[in-house]
């Protein structure tokens, strides 16, 4: 029997296998924290191997202990009673640690151990030197450390997600694609290619991230490296980036919605779906938040467009000002600091345990906003509802990571057609009545019936 319960009477106690998994993964976390604090290790290869294996193996063992005796189905028992997943003390501690880590990552990498002025790496960054040398023949940077930890989390917690949703073919395939996209396209391939190329002519990550998410795509240095110094490979990346934004993205979004990227390929979405799965219920569903969401994301889209126009103007005219304003200090630097770093990193991930797992995707990502406009007005994608079957349990709304009140649509018999929907499909998965279904179909009647289904003393009836 599939258990669709939202919460149990209390948070369940950990069994022996779960405790062993936490102890093993805790070893890896401890090494990361100790090296971050400045601990020096001599046998870096050994300690790094122990760190990576303990994180992955520990999470897998914990997952086995969690689901070994449970039947297939969504198990979210006790999430509102755990300190970590209900904005408790543990949640705030994790949020603070993640936020401090991101602040150091972006602005104070020397506090992570990054060597400056010719000095060797130490601490956390130095710990990852052996792996960086193996993949690309260079010592690690703070970004290599971040990318490695990021990938480990998506891989290991992606396995946990696969086991949790093992009864659902859509989630199983989607999560495998997310894991492979991060591991190969966003991590291994770029790092290995960087080892074979001039660092100044390196664009491999452009395979996965393109404008407007890759907001520096039209920066002078990036354009010059691609079109003038990068040779055939640089021109390929330039053409690929333009093709992705102008052709492939609108086309795929029309046919299947923005889920093809946001829930299947994107690294930000991949981390949100795997590492952030335990926090999806924390997204705010209030109407005023939905209004705020639309204001913020559209303002950011306007800002990235203006910044890009100013950047291209400076590139073609060889001027440093646009409308009398310095292009770098007025346009590029504020956007990179406020949106590219503070919003997408510090708030977007650091606030998982407080605001939910899709803060950046919902409020800030300009690429998600761009695809959202297409999805809302010109797409075949929708989530269909069968209002007559809805029992108003609220599971769908509770676990919508984008803060959509899905139940309100289902109660009215209307299809869910929202620009912010990333098509993760969890709302349909947690529904005990099969009310919701992800579909791609003709645009006619895409928004569903205008009739409202009302439950009264005489049973169900349709109100015109």
Protein backbone atom coordinates (compact mmCIF):
# COMPACT_ATOMS: atom_id res chain seq x y z
CA UNK A 1 0.00 0.00 0.00
CA UNK A 2 1.38 3.41 -0.96
CA UNK A 3 1.60 5.86 1.89
CA UNK A 4 0.84 9.46 0.92
CA UNK A 5 0.79 10.94 4.41
CA UNK A 6 2.13 14.45 4.86
CA UNK A 7 3.35 14.10 8.42
CA UNK A 8 3.28 11.51 11.15
CA UNK A 9 2.44 12.12 14.79
CA UNK A 10 6.11 12.83 15.40
CA UNK A 11 9.46 12.63 13.72
CA UNK A 12 10.60 9.01 13.55
CA UNK A 13 13.71 7.96 15.44
CA UNK A 14 16.79 6.95 13.49
CA UNK A 15 17.50 3.24 13.14
CA UNK A 16 20.95 1.66 13.42
CA UNK A 17 21.67 1.74 9.67
CA UNK A 18 20.69 5.41 9.41
CA UNK A 19 22.98 6.25 12.31
CA UNK A 20 25.89 4.40 10.68
CA UNK A 21 25.26 6.31 7.46
CA UNK A 22 25.23 9.64 9.29
CA UNK A 23 28.46 8.80 11.13
CA UNK A 24 30.24 7.87 7.88
CA UNK A 25 29.01 10.92 5.96
CA UNK A 26 29.73 13.04 9.04
CA UNK A 27 33.39 12.03 8.71
CA UNK A 28 33.53 13.64 5.26
CA UNK A 29 31.72 16.76 6.49
CA UNK A 30 34.11 16.99 9.45
CA UNK A 31 37.19 16.87 7.21
CA UNK A 32 35.73 19.64 5.04
CA UNK A 33 34.94 21.81 8.07
CA UNK A 34 38.33 21.18 9.73
CA UNK A 35 40.31 21.99 6.59
CA UNK A 36 38.12 25.04 6.09
CA UNK A 37 39.09 26.07 9.63
CA UNK A 38 42.75 25.79 8.65
CA UNK A 39 43.76 22.22 9.49
CA UNK A 40 46.74 21.14 7.39
CA UNK A 41 46.86 17.62 5.94
CA UNK A 42 50.00 16.08 4.53
CA UNK A 43 48.67 13.09 2.58
CA UNK A 44 46.11 15.08 0.60
CA UNK A 45 45.20 12.30 -1.84
CA UNK A 46 44.34 9.94 1.00
CA UNK A 47 42.32 12.49 2.95
CA UNK A 48 40.49 13.68 -0.16
CA UNK A 49 39.61 10.10 -1.10
CA UNK A 50 38.29 9.48 2.42
CA UNK A 51 36.25 12.71 2.24
CA UNK A 52 34.60 11.95 -1.09
CA UNK A 53 33.94 8.27 -0.41
CA UNK A 54 32.58 8.89 3.09
CA UNK A 55 30.14 11.50 1.80
CA UNK A 56 28.82 9.28 -1.00
CA UNK A 57 28.84 5.95 0.89
CA UNK A 58 27.42 7.50 4.06
CA UNK A 59 24.45 9.03 2.22
CA UNK A 60 23.80 5.75 0.37
CA UNK A 61 23.83 3.78 3.63
CA UNK A 62 21.52 6.34 5.24
CA UNK A 63 19.18 6.04 2.26
CA UNK A 64 19.13 2.25 2.54
CA UNK A 65 18.33 2.47 6.24
CA UNK A 66 15.53 4.94 5.55
CA UNK A 67 13.71 3.07 2.79
CA UNK A 68 14.67 -0.62 3.12
CA UNK A 69 11.48 -1.64 4.94
CA UNK A 70 9.17 0.88 3.26
CA UNK A 71 6.95 0.14 0.30
CA UNK A 72 7.30 2.21 -2.85
CA UNK A 73 5.64 5.58 -2.54
CA UNK A 74 6.30 9.09 -1.32
CA UNK A 75 7.31 9.15 2.34
CA UNK A 76 7.35 12.63 3.85
CA UNK A 77 6.42 11.60 7.38
CA UNK A 78 7.58 13.97 10.08
CA UNK A 79 9.03 16.75 7.91
CA UNK A 80 7.20 19.39 9.94
CA UNK A 81 8.57 17.97 13.19
CA UNK A 82 12.26 17.89 12.31
CA UNK A 83 14.44 20.81 13.30
CA UNK A 84 16.29 20.74 9.98
CA UNK A 85 13.22 20.75 7.75
CA UNK A 86 10.89 23.02 9.71
CA UNK A 87 13.04 26.14 10.17
CA UNK A 88 14.25 24.88 13.53
CA UNK A 89 17.65 25.35 15.15
CA UNK A 90 19.35 22.84 12.85
CA UNK A 91 17.84 24.51 9.81
CA UNK A 92 19.15 27.91 10.85
CA UNK A 93 22.61 26.49 11.65
CA UNK A 94 22.86 24.90 8.19
CA UNK A 95 21.61 28.13 6.56
CA UNK A 96 24.24 30.21 8.39
CA UNK A 97 27.07 27.79 7.53
CA UNK A 98 26.06 27.70 3.85
CA UNK A 99 25.75 31.48 3.73
CA UNK A 100 29.19 32.02 5.27
CA UNK A 101 30.67 29.47 2.86
CA UNK A 102 29.23 31.34 -0.13
CA UNK A 103 30.47 34.68 1.16
CA UNK A 104 33.99 33.25 1.46
CA UNK A 105 33.68 31.52 -1.92
CA UNK A 106 32.80 34.70 -3.83
CA UNK A 107 34.72 37.40 -1.97
CA UNK A 108 37.22 35.91 0.50
CA UNK A 109 38.56 32.68 -1.09
CA UNK A 110 41.82 33.05 0.83
CA UNK A 111 39.83 32.06 3.94
CA UNK A 112 39.09 28.77 2.20
CA UNK A 113 42.81 28.24 1.64
CA UNK A 114 43.30 29.68 -1.85
CA UNK A 115 46.93 30.58 -2.37
CA UNK A 116 47.58 34.20 -3.36
CA UNK A 117 50.69 36.00 -4.62
CA UNK A 118 52.32 32.77 -5.69
CA UNK A 119 51.68 30.98 -2.39
CA UNK A 120 50.50 27.33 -2.48
CA UNK A 121 46.96 26.36 -1.62
CA UNK A 122 46.23 25.35 1.94
CA UNK A 123 43.20 24.27 3.95
CA UNK A 124 40.06 23.30 2.07
CA UNK A 125 41.23 24.39 -1.38
CA UNK A 126 44.57 22.63 -0.89
CA UNK A 127 42.75 19.42 0.02
CA UNK A 128 41.33 19.27 -3.52
CA UNK A 129 44.66 19.88 -5.29
CA UNK A 130 45.27 16.17 -6.10
CA UNK A 131 41.93 15.79 -7.91
CA UNK A 132 42.38 19.05 -9.81
CA UNK A 133 45.87 18.01 -10.90
CA UNK A 134 44.52 14.66 -12.04
CA UNK A 135 41.69 16.13 -14.13
CA UNK A 136 43.32 19.20 -15.64
CA UNK A 137 46.94 19.41 -14.52
CA UNK A 138 46.42 22.53 -12.40
CA UNK A 139 46.10 23.15 -8.68
CA UNK A 140 42.59 23.69 -7.41
CA UNK A 141 40.75 26.99 -7.29
CA UNK A 142 37.86 27.80 -5.00
CA UNK A 143 35.55 27.18 -7.97
CA UNK A 144 36.95 23.69 -8.53
CA UNK A 145 36.31 22.90 -4.86
CA UNK A 146 32.78 24.25 -5.15
CA UNK A 147 32.06 22.35 -8.36
CA UNK A 148 33.35 19.11 -6.88
CA UNK A 149 31.29 19.37 -3.69
CA UNK A 150 28.28 20.48 -5.76
CA UNK A 151 28.60 17.42 -7.99
CA UNK A 152 29.08 15.03 -5.06
CA UNK A 153 25.87 16.33 -3.46
CA UNK A 154 23.84 15.96 -6.65
CA UNK A 155 25.25 12.46 -7.23
CA UNK A 156 24.77 11.10 -3.71
CA UNK A 157 21.50 12.83 -2.85
CA UNK A 158 20.31 12.11 -6.38
CA UNK A 159 20.63 8.43 -5.51
CA UNK A 160 18.54 9.10 -2.40
CA UNK A 161 15.94 10.82 -4.60
CA UNK A 162 15.94 7.83 -6.99
CA UNK A 163 15.22 5.45 -4.13
CA UNK A 164 12.54 7.67 -2.61
CA UNK A 165 10.67 8.04 -5.93
CA UNK A 166 11.58 4.59 -7.31
CA UNK A 167 7.94 3.81 -8.06
CA UNK A 168 7.69 6.71 -10.52
CA UNK A 169 9.26 6.29 -13.96
CA UNK A 170 9.20 10.01 -14.73
CA UNK A 171 11.20 10.93 -11.65
CA UNK A 172 13.60 8.03 -12.10
CA UNK A 173 14.55 9.00 -15.65
CA UNK A 174 14.53 12.72 -14.88
CA UNK A 175 16.88 12.31 -11.92
CA UNK A 176 19.29 10.11 -13.88
CA UNK A 177 19.46 12.80 -16.57
CA UNK A 178 20.05 15.50 -13.94
CA UNK A 179 22.89 13.51 -12.36
CA UNK A 180 24.54 12.78 -15.72
CA UNK A 181 24.16 16.39 -16.87
CA UNK A 182 25.93 17.69 -13.77
CA UNK A 183 28.59 14.99 -13.65
CA UNK A 184 29.49 15.06 -17.34
CA UNK A 185 28.40 18.36 -18.92
CA UNK A 186 28.93 20.68 -15.98
CA UNK A 187 31.86 19.03 -14.21
CA UNK A 188 34.04 16.38 -15.87
CA UNK A 189 33.93 17.63 -19.46
CA UNK A 190 34.65 21.32 -18.65
CA UNK A 191 37.41 20.48 -16.18
CA UNK A 192 39.13 18.04 -18.53
CA UNK A 193 38.82 20.38 -21.53
CA UNK A 194 40.30 23.20 -19.47
CA UNK A 195 43.42 21.11 -19.04
CA UNK A 196 43.85 20.95 -22.83
CA UNK A 197 43.22 24.63 -23.54
CA UNK A 198 44.52 28.06 -22.75
CA UNK A 199 42.74 29.16 -19.55
CA UNK A 200 42.03 32.52 -21.18
CA UNK A 201 40.21 30.77 -24.04
CA UNK A 202 38.13 28.44 -21.91
CA UNK A 203 34.40 28.24 -22.56
CA UNK A 204 33.42 24.60 -21.90
CA UNK A 205 30.77 25.52 -19.32
CA UNK A 206 28.99 27.46 -22.06
CA UNK A 207 27.75 24.09 -23.27
CA UNK A 208 25.24 24.08 -20.45
CA UNK A 209 24.85 27.69 -19.33
CA UNK A 210 23.93 30.34 -21.89
CA UNK A 211 22.55 33.88 -21.96
CA UNK A 212 20.76 35.30 -20.02
CA UNK A 213 21.73 32.88 -17.24
CA UNK A 214 25.31 33.18 -18.43
CA UNK A 215 25.14 36.96 -18.11
CA UNK A 216 28.79 37.49 -19.09
CA UNK A 217 28.31 35.80 -22.49
CA UNK A 218 28.48 39.16 -24.30
CA UNK A 219 31.27 40.63 -22.19
CA UNK A 220 34.20 41.97 -24.21
CA UNK A 221 36.71 39.39 -22.96
CA UNK A 222 34.29 36.53 -23.60
CA UNK A 223 33.33 37.64 -27.10
CA UNK A 224 36.94 38.32 -28.07
CA UNK A 225 38.13 34.97 -26.79
CA UNK A 226 35.40 33.12 -28.66
CA UNK A 227 35.47 35.00 -31.95
CA UNK A 228 39.07 36.16 -32.23
CA UNK A 229 41.32 33.96 -30.09
CA UNK A 230 39.42 30.73 -29.54
CA UNK A 231 39.72 29.38 -33.07
CA UNK A 232 37.19 26.86 -34.36
CA UNK A 233 36.31 25.74 -30.83
CA UNK A 234 35.64 29.30 -29.71
CA UNK A 235 33.39 29.95 -32.71
CA UNK A 236 31.52 26.74 -31.96
CA UNK A 237 30.77 27.93 -28.43
CA UNK A 238 29.66 31.32 -29.75
CA UNK A 239 27.32 29.80 -32.35
CA UNK A 240 26.07 27.23 -29.84
CA UNK A 241 25.24 29.92 -27.28
CA UNK A 242 23.32 32.00 -29.82
CA UNK A 243 21.53 28.93 -31.16
CA UNK A 244 20.51 27.80 -27.67
CA UNK A 245 19.00 31.16 -26.74
CA UNK A 246 17.38 32.11 -30.06
CA UNK A 247 16.28 28.74 -31.46
CA UNK A 248 16.51 25.65 -29.28
CA UNK A 249 15.22 27.14 -26.02
CA UNK A 250 12.00 28.62 -27.48
CA UNK A 251 11.40 25.47 -29.52
CA UNK A 252 11.84 23.00 -26.67
CA UNK A 253 9.88 25.22 -24.28
CA UNK A 254 7.01 25.33 -26.75
CA UNK A 255 6.87 21.56 -27.05
CA UNK A 256 7.51 20.39 -23.48
CA UNK A 257 7.61 23.51 -21.27
CA UNK A 258 10.57 24.87 -19.33
CA UNK A 259 10.96 21.56 -17.51
CA UNK A 260 13.35 20.32 -20.23
CA UNK A 261 15.98 22.62 -18.72
CA UNK A 262 14.88 23.60 -15.21
CA UNK A 263 14.14 20.06 -14.04
CA UNK A 264 16.22 17.90 -16.38
CA UNK A 265 19.48 19.72 -17.19
CA UNK A 266 20.19 22.82 -15.10
CA UNK A 267 22.72 22.48 -12.29
CA UNK A 268 20.81 24.90 -10.06
CA UNK A 269 17.66 22.88 -10.57
CA UNK A 270 19.60 19.66 -10.11
CA UNK A 271 20.83 20.72 -6.67
CA UNK A 272 17.36 21.94 -5.75
CA UNK A 273 15.74 18.64 -6.75
CA UNK A 274 18.28 16.44 -4.95
CA UNK A 275 19.94 18.22 -2.04
CA UNK A 276 16.96 20.54 -1.68
CA UNK A 277 14.20 17.92 -1.84
CA UNK A 278 13.82 17.89 1.95
CA UNK A 279 13.02 21.62 1.92
CA UNK A 280 10.52 21.87 -0.97
CA UNK A 281 7.57 22.26 1.40
CA UNK A 282 9.03 25.50 2.81
CA UNK A 283 8.21 27.54 -0.30
CA UNK A 284 5.66 30.26 0.47
CA UNK A 285 2.30 29.85 -1.28
CA UNK A 286 0.72 33.17 -0.30
CA UNK A 287 -0.74 35.42 -2.97
CA UNK A 288 1.43 38.41 -2.07
CA UNK A 289 4.55 36.26 -2.53
CA UNK A 290 3.36 35.27 -6.01
CA UNK A 291 2.95 38.98 -6.84
CA UNK A 292 6.40 39.74 -5.42
CA UNK A 293 7.85 36.86 -7.43
CA UNK A 294 6.56 38.30 -10.70
CA UNK A 295 7.86 41.77 -9.92
CA UNK A 296 11.35 40.60 -8.93
CA UNK A 297 11.99 38.15 -11.75
CA UNK A 298 10.77 40.55 -14.45
CA UNK A 299 12.84 43.40 -13.02
CA UNK A 300 15.91 41.14 -13.15
CA UNK A 301 15.12 40.24 -16.77
CA UNK A 302 14.96 43.94 -17.64
CA UNK A 303 18.22 44.58 -15.81
CA UNK A 304 20.12 41.81 -17.59
CA UNK A 305 18.77 43.04 -20.93
CA UNK A 306 19.86 46.64 -20.26
CA UNK A 307 23.27 45.46 -19.02
CA UNK A 308 23.73 43.36 -22.16
CA UNK A 309 22.78 46.28 -24.44
CA UNK A 310 25.28 48.48 -22.63
CA UNK A 311 27.96 45.79 -22.88
CA UNK A 312 27.43 45.25 -26.61
CA UNK A 313 27.42 48.99 -27.19
CA UNK A 314 30.78 49.25 -25.48
CA UNK A 315 32.13 46.29 -27.46
CA UNK A 316 31.18 47.61 -30.90
CA UNK A 317 31.97 51.28 -30.23
CA UNK A 318 35.06 50.56 -28.09
CA UNK A 319 33.73 52.95 -25.47
CA UNK A 320 33.62 52.48 -21.72
CA UNK A 321 30.43 54.49 -21.20
CA UNK A 322 26.77 54.05 -22.17
CA UNK A 323 24.39 57.02 -21.96
CA UNK A 324 27.15 58.80 -20.09
CA UNK A 325 27.42 56.05 -17.46
CA UNK A 326 30.42 53.80 -16.90
CA UNK A 327 29.51 50.38 -18.28
CA UNK A 328 31.48 48.34 -15.75
CA UNK A 329 30.75 50.20 -12.51
CA UNK A 330 27.11 51.07 -13.27
CA UNK A 331 25.91 48.03 -15.21
CA UNK A 332 28.20 45.00 -14.99
CA UNK A 333 29.55 45.17 -11.46
CA UNK A 334 26.24 45.76 -9.64
CA UNK A 335 24.49 42.99 -11.59
CA UNK A 336 27.34 40.53 -11.01
CA UNK A 337 27.43 41.31 -7.30
CA UNK A 338 23.70 41.53 -6.51
CA UNK A 339 22.29 38.94 -8.92
CA UNK A 340 25.17 36.74 -10.06
CA UNK A 341 26.62 36.26 -6.57
CA UNK A 342 24.33 37.42 -3.74
CA UNK A 343 21.04 36.19 -5.17
CA UNK A 344 21.99 33.04 -7.08
CA UNK A 345 24.55 31.81 -4.56
CA UNK A 346 24.24 33.26 -1.08
CA UNK A 347 20.43 33.47 -1.01
CA UNK A 348 19.62 30.89 -3.68
CA UNK A 349 21.35 27.99 -1.92
CA UNK A 350 22.24 29.30 1.51
CA UNK A 351 18.58 29.88 2.34
CA UNK A 352 17.35 26.38 1.37
CA UNK A 353 16.44 25.50 5.00
CA UNK A 354 14.57 28.80 5.46
CA UNK A 355 12.85 29.75 2.19
CA UNK A 356 12.75 26.44 0.33
CA UNK A 357 14.84 24.91 -2.43
CA UNK A 358 13.88 27.02 -5.45
CA UNK A 359 14.38 30.60 -4.27
CA UNK A 360 16.72 31.48 -7.16
CA UNK A 361 14.74 29.57 -9.78
CA UNK A 362 11.47 31.14 -8.65
CA UNK A 363 12.48 34.75 -7.99
CA UNK A 364 15.76 35.41 -9.74
CA UNK A 365 16.80 33.26 -12.69
CA UNK A 366 16.43 35.33 -15.91
CA UNK A 367 16.59 32.22 -18.09
CA UNK A 368 13.72 30.66 -16.13
CA UNK A 369 11.84 33.93 -16.55
CA UNK A 370 12.47 33.93 -20.30
CA UNK A 371 11.25 30.36 -20.67
CA UNK A 372 8.37 31.08 -18.30
CA UNK A 373 6.94 33.73 -20.62
CA UNK A 374 7.01 31.25 -23.50
CA UNK A 375 5.50 28.50 -21.35
CA UNK A 376 2.71 30.76 -20.10
CA UNK A 377 1.57 32.13 -23.45
CA UNK A 378 2.80 29.81 -26.21
CA UNK A 379 3.42 26.23 -25.14
CA UNK A 380 1.85 22.79 -25.32
CA UNK A 381 2.72 22.02 -21.71
CA UNK A 382 0.19 22.04 -18.90
CA UNK A 383 -0.71 20.12 -15.74
CA UNK A 384 -4.24 18.88 -16.23
CA UNK A 385 -6.63 18.51 -13.31
CA UNK A 386 -9.69 16.41 -12.59
CA UNK A 387 -11.53 18.57 -10.08
CA UNK A 388 -14.22 16.00 -9.44
CA UNK A 389 -11.62 13.67 -7.92
CA UNK A 390 -9.91 16.28 -5.69
CA UNK A 391 -10.37 15.73 -1.94
CA UNK A 392 -8.57 18.98 -1.02
CA UNK A 393 -5.85 17.19 0.97
CA UNK A 394 -3.36 19.91 -0.04
CA UNK A 395 -0.43 17.60 -0.71
CA UNK A 396 0.09 19.13 -4.16
CA UNK A 397 0.33 22.69 -2.86
CA UNK A 398 2.42 21.71 0.15
CA UNK A 399 5.15 20.08 -1.93
CA UNK A 400 5.19 22.50 -4.85
CA UNK A 401 8.71 23.92 -4.67
CA UNK A 402 7.68 26.91 -6.80
CA UNK A 403 5.03 28.04 -4.34
CA UNK A 404 2.07 27.37 -6.64
CA UNK A 405 -1.26 26.72 -4.91
CA UNK A 406 -1.99 23.72 -7.10
CA UNK A 407 -5.00 22.71 -5.01
CA UNK A 408 -6.80 25.95 -5.91
CA UNK A 409 -6.53 25.01 -9.60
CA UNK A 410 -7.68 21.45 -8.97
CA UNK A 411 -10.69 22.55 -6.93
CA UNK A 412 -11.83 24.73 -9.84
CA UNK A 413 -11.11 22.06 -12.45
CA UNK A 414 -8.59 24.33 -14.16
CA UNK A 415 -5.30 23.23 -15.67
CA UNK A 416 -2.14 24.53 -14.04
CA UNK A 417 -0.58 26.92 -16.56
CA UNK A 418 1.95 29.06 -14.73
CA UNK A 419 5.15 30.71 -15.93
CA UNK A 420 6.98 29.62 -12.78
CA UNK A 421 6.12 25.90 -13.00
CA UNK A 422 9.28 23.86 -13.65
CA UNK A 423 7.41 20.63 -14.39
CA UNK A 424 9.10 18.64 -11.64
CA UNK A 425 5.94 16.51 -11.38
CA UNK A 426 6.02 16.11 -7.61
CA UNK A 427 2.51 17.57 -7.24
CA UNK A 428 1.12 14.78 -9.40
CA UNK A 429 3.22 12.19 -7.56
CA UNK A 430 2.01 13.09 -4.06
CA UNK A 431 -1.66 13.29 -5.10
CA UNK A 432 -3.49 10.27 -3.63
CA UNK A 433 -6.33 10.48 -6.16
CA UNK A 434 -4.56 10.86 -9.49
CA UNK A 435 -6.07 14.32 -10.00
CA UNK A 436 -2.99 15.83 -11.66
CA UNK A 437 -1.16 14.84 -14.81
CA UNK A 438 1.72 16.44 -16.74
CA UNK A 439 0.76 16.69 -20.40
CA UNK A 440 1.84 18.15 -23.72
CA UNK A 441 -1.06 18.67 -26.06
CA UNK A 442 -2.83 21.06 -28.42
CA UNK A 443 -2.99 24.67 -27.32
CA UNK A 444 -6.78 24.69 -27.64
CA UNK A 445 -8.45 24.50 -24.20
CA UNK A 446 -5.01 24.53 -22.64
CA UNK A 447 -6.24 26.47 -19.64
CA UNK A 448 -8.98 23.95 -18.93
CA UNK A 449 -12.68 24.48 -18.41
CA UNK A 450 -14.09 27.77 -17.18
CA UNK A 451 -16.67 25.78 -15.25
CA UNK A 452 -16.18 25.57 -11.48
CA UNK A 453 -16.87 22.28 -9.73
CA UNK A 454 -18.68 22.85 -6.43
CA UNK A 455 -19.28 20.31 -3.66
CA UNK A 456 -22.57 20.89 -1.86
CA UNK A 457 -25.28 18.95 -0.03
CA UNK A 458 -26.48 17.55 -3.32
CA UNK A 459 -23.04 16.26 -4.28
CA UNK A 460 -20.84 17.61 -7.07
CA UNK A 461 -22.27 20.05 -9.54
CA UNK A 462 -20.91 22.43 -12.14
CA UNK A 463 -21.39 26.15 -11.56
CA UNK A 464 -21.47 28.07 -14.86
